[in-house]
Amino acid sequence: IEQNEVKPGTSFNCNLNLYGEPGDDKGTLSFGESFAQSCNYTFTSLAEKLIKKDDSVIENMAEKLGLTQRAGWEGKLYREDGFRQLY
């Protein structure tokens, strides 16, 4: 959406799996319907388009979402000085 790749009226063939091979039998769906129905092909096809424009688009979005940073609390806890919730 930020890259303006999803335009009103755009539809996706959700009879395909995330590799573009025959798979789910969900029909042709809009972006919103694809999201609601978990149509993986919609999102892989959009990712492919975005990667052609910027090959680090996935990594950049992951960073914006905080997915590349450590998660959870860390600090001194009882007898362990370097406790981290998620190692």
C-alpha atoms as a PDB file:
ATOM      1  CA  ILE A   1       0.000   0.000   0.000  1.00  0.00           C
ATOM      2  CA  GLU A   2       2.837   2.419   0.859  1.00  0.00           C
ATOM      3  CA  GLN A   3       4.403   1.782  -2.549  1.00  0.00           C
ATOM      4  CA  ASN A   4       1.071   2.330  -4.344  1.00  0.00           C
ATOM      5  CA  GLU A   5       1.112  -1.177  -5.846  1.00  0.00           C
ATOM      6  CA  VAL A   6      -2.441  -1.966  -4.750  1.00  0.00           C
ATOM      7  CA  LYS A   7      -4.919   0.052  -6.751  1.00  0.00           C
ATOM      8  CA  PRO A   8      -8.715  -0.039  -6.360  1.00  0.00           C
ATOM      9  CA  GLY A   9     -10.105  -2.856  -8.449  1.00  0.00           C
ATOM     10  CA  THR A  10      -6.886  -4.883  -8.461  1.00  0.00           C
ATOM     11  CA  SER A  11      -7.646  -8.569  -8.135  1.00  0.00           C
ATOM     12  CA  PHE A  12      -5.500 -11.610  -7.450  1.00  0.00           C
ATOM     13  CA  ASN A  13      -5.806 -15.224  -8.564  1.00  0.00           C
ATOM     14  CA  CYS A  14      -6.162 -16.984  -5.234  1.00  0.00           C
ATOM     15  CA  ASN A  15      -6.467 -20.378  -6.875  1.00  0.00           C
ATOM     16  CA  LEU A  16      -2.645 -20.348  -6.808  1.00  0.00           C
ATOM     17  CA  ASN A  17      -0.374 -21.095  -3.884  1.00  0.00           C
ATOM     18  CA  LEU A  18       2.472 -18.822  -2.830  1.00  0.00           C
ATOM     19  CA  TYR A  19       4.685 -20.289  -5.590  1.00  0.00           C
ATOM     20  CA  GLY A  20       2.134 -19.521  -8.305  1.00  0.00           C
ATOM     21  CA  GLU A  21       1.209 -23.179  -8.725  1.00  0.00           C
ATOM     22  CA  PRO A  22      -2.338 -24.592  -8.529  1.00  0.00           C
ATOM     23  CA  GLY A  23      -3.343 -24.760  -4.905  1.00  0.00           C
ATOM     24  CA  ASP A  24      -6.148 -23.191  -2.954  1.00  0.00           C
ATOM     25  CA  ASP A  25      -9.562 -22.881  -4.559  1.00  0.00           C
ATOM     26  CA  LYS A  26     -10.484 -19.378  -3.415  1.00  0.00           C
ATOM     27  CA  GLY A  27     -11.150 -17.714  -6.767  1.00  0.00           C
ATOM     28  CA  THR A  28     -10.209 -14.190  -7.785  1.00  0.00           C
ATOM     29  CA  LEU A  29     -10.121 -11.830  -4.813  1.00  0.00           C
ATOM     30  CA  SER A  30      -9.523  -8.141  -4.125  1.00  0.00           C
ATOM     31  CA  PHE A  31      -6.670  -7.106  -1.850  1.00  0.00           C
ATOM     32  CA  GLY A  32      -8.990  -6.834   1.150  1.00  0.00           C
ATOM     33  CA  GLU A  33     -10.563 -10.203   0.433  1.00  0.00           C
ATOM     34  CA  SER A  34      -7.105 -11.695  -0.085  1.00  0.00           C
ATOM     35  CA  PHE A  35      -6.073 -10.440   3.334  1.00  0.00           C
ATOM     36  CA  ALA A  36      -9.224 -11.819   4.970  1.00  0.00           C
ATOM     37  CA  GLN A  37      -8.908 -15.192   3.206  1.00  0.00           C
ATOM     38  CA  SER A  38      -5.129 -15.467   3.782  1.00  0.00           C
ATOM     39  CA  CYS A  39      -4.341 -15.677   0.085  1.00  0.00           C
ATOM     40  CA  ASN A  40      -0.571 -16.132   0.145  1.00  0.00           C
ATOM     41  CA  TYR A  41      -0.255 -15.696  -3.618  1.00  0.00           C
ATOM     42  CA  THR A  42      -1.438 -12.087  -3.336  1.00  0.00           C
ATOM     43  CA  PHE A  43       1.369 -11.213  -0.979  1.00  0.00           C
ATOM     44  CA  THR A  44       4.112 -13.138  -2.747  1.00  0.00           C
ATOM     45  CA  SER A  45       3.164 -11.551  -6.074  1.00  0.00           C
ATOM     46  CA  LEU A  46       3.206  -8.077  -4.493  1.00  0.00           C
ATOM     47  CA  ALA A  47       6.547  -8.840  -2.824  1.00  0.00           C
ATOM     48  CA  GLU A  48       8.034  -9.874  -6.184  1.00  0.00           C
ATOM     49  CA  LYS A  49       6.926  -6.571  -7.748  1.00  0.00           C
ATOM     50  CA  LEU A  50       8.366  -4.551  -4.868  1.00  0.00           C
ATOM     51  CA  ILE A  51      11.670  -6.450  -4.859  1.00  0.00           C
ATOM     52  CA  LYS A  52      12.135  -5.628  -8.556  1.00  0.00           C
ATOM     53  CA  LYS A  53      12.033  -1.928  -7.595  1.00  0.00           C
ATOM     54  CA  ASP A  54      14.088  -2.239  -4.395  1.00  0.00           C
ATOM     55  CA  ASP A  55      15.785  -5.511  -3.503  1.00  0.00           C
ATOM     56  CA  SER A  56      15.926  -4.622   0.202  1.00  0.00           C
ATOM     57  CA  VAL A  57      12.253  -3.651   0.569  1.00  0.00           C
ATOM     58  CA  ILE A  58      11.429  -6.674   2.753  1.00  0.00           C
ATOM     59  CA  GLU A  59      14.358  -6.045   5.097  1.00  0.00           C
ATOM     60  CA  ASN A  60      13.507  -2.333   5.310  1.00  0.00           C
ATOM     61  CA  MET A  61       9.891  -3.053   6.243  1.00  0.00           C
ATOM     62  CA  ALA A  62      10.968  -5.669   8.792  1.00  0.00           C
ATOM     63  CA  GLU A  63      13.177  -3.025  10.394  1.00  0.00           C
ATOM     64  CA  LYS A  64      10.323  -0.478  10.443  1.00  0.00           C
ATOM     65  CA  LEU A  65       8.136  -3.061  12.174  1.00  0.00           C
ATOM     66  CA  GLY A  66      10.824  -3.745  14.777  1.00  0.00           C
ATOM     67  CA  LEU A  67      11.331  -7.337  13.634  1.00  0.00           C
ATOM     68  CA  THR A  68      15.112  -7.021  13.347  1.00  0.00           C
ATOM     69  CA  GLN A  69      15.659  -5.929  16.935  1.00  0.00           C
ATOM     70  CA  ARG A  70      15.795  -8.038  20.051  1.00  0.00           C
ATOM     71  CA  ALA A  71      12.425  -8.542  21.667  1.00  0.00           C
ATOM     72  CA  GLY A  72      11.493  -8.813  25.314  1.00  0.00           C
ATOM     73  CA  TRP A  73      12.848  -7.555  28.586  1.00  0.00           C
ATOM     74  CA  GLU A  74      16.457  -8.124  29.637  1.00  0.00           C
ATOM     75  CA  GLY A  75      18.468  -7.305  32.724  1.00  0.00           C
ATOM     76  CA  LYS A  76      19.412  -8.589  36.164  1.00  0.00           C
ATOM     77  CA  LEU A  77      17.080 -11.269  37.490  1.00  0.00           C
ATOM     78  CA  TYR A  78      17.679 -13.196  40.694  1.00  0.00           C
ATOM     79  CA  ARG A  79      21.060 -14.935  40.158  1.00  0.00           C
ATOM     80  CA  GLU A  80      21.452 -14.241  36.472  1.00  0.00           C
ATOM     81  CA  ASP A  81      22.978 -10.908  35.467  1.00  0.00           C
ATOM     82  CA  GLY A  82      22.331 -11.097  31.718  1.00  0.00           C
ATOM     83  CA  PHE A  83      18.789 -12.500  31.667  1.00  0.00           C
ATOM     84  CA  ARG A  84      16.887 -12.139  28.384  1.00  0.00           C
ATOM     85  CA  GLN A  85      13.346 -13.342  27.825  1.00  0.00           C
ATOM     86  CA  LEU A  86      14.085 -14.474  24.274  1.00  0.00           C
ATOM     87  CA  TYR A  87      17.572 -15.774  23.550  1.00  0.00           C
END
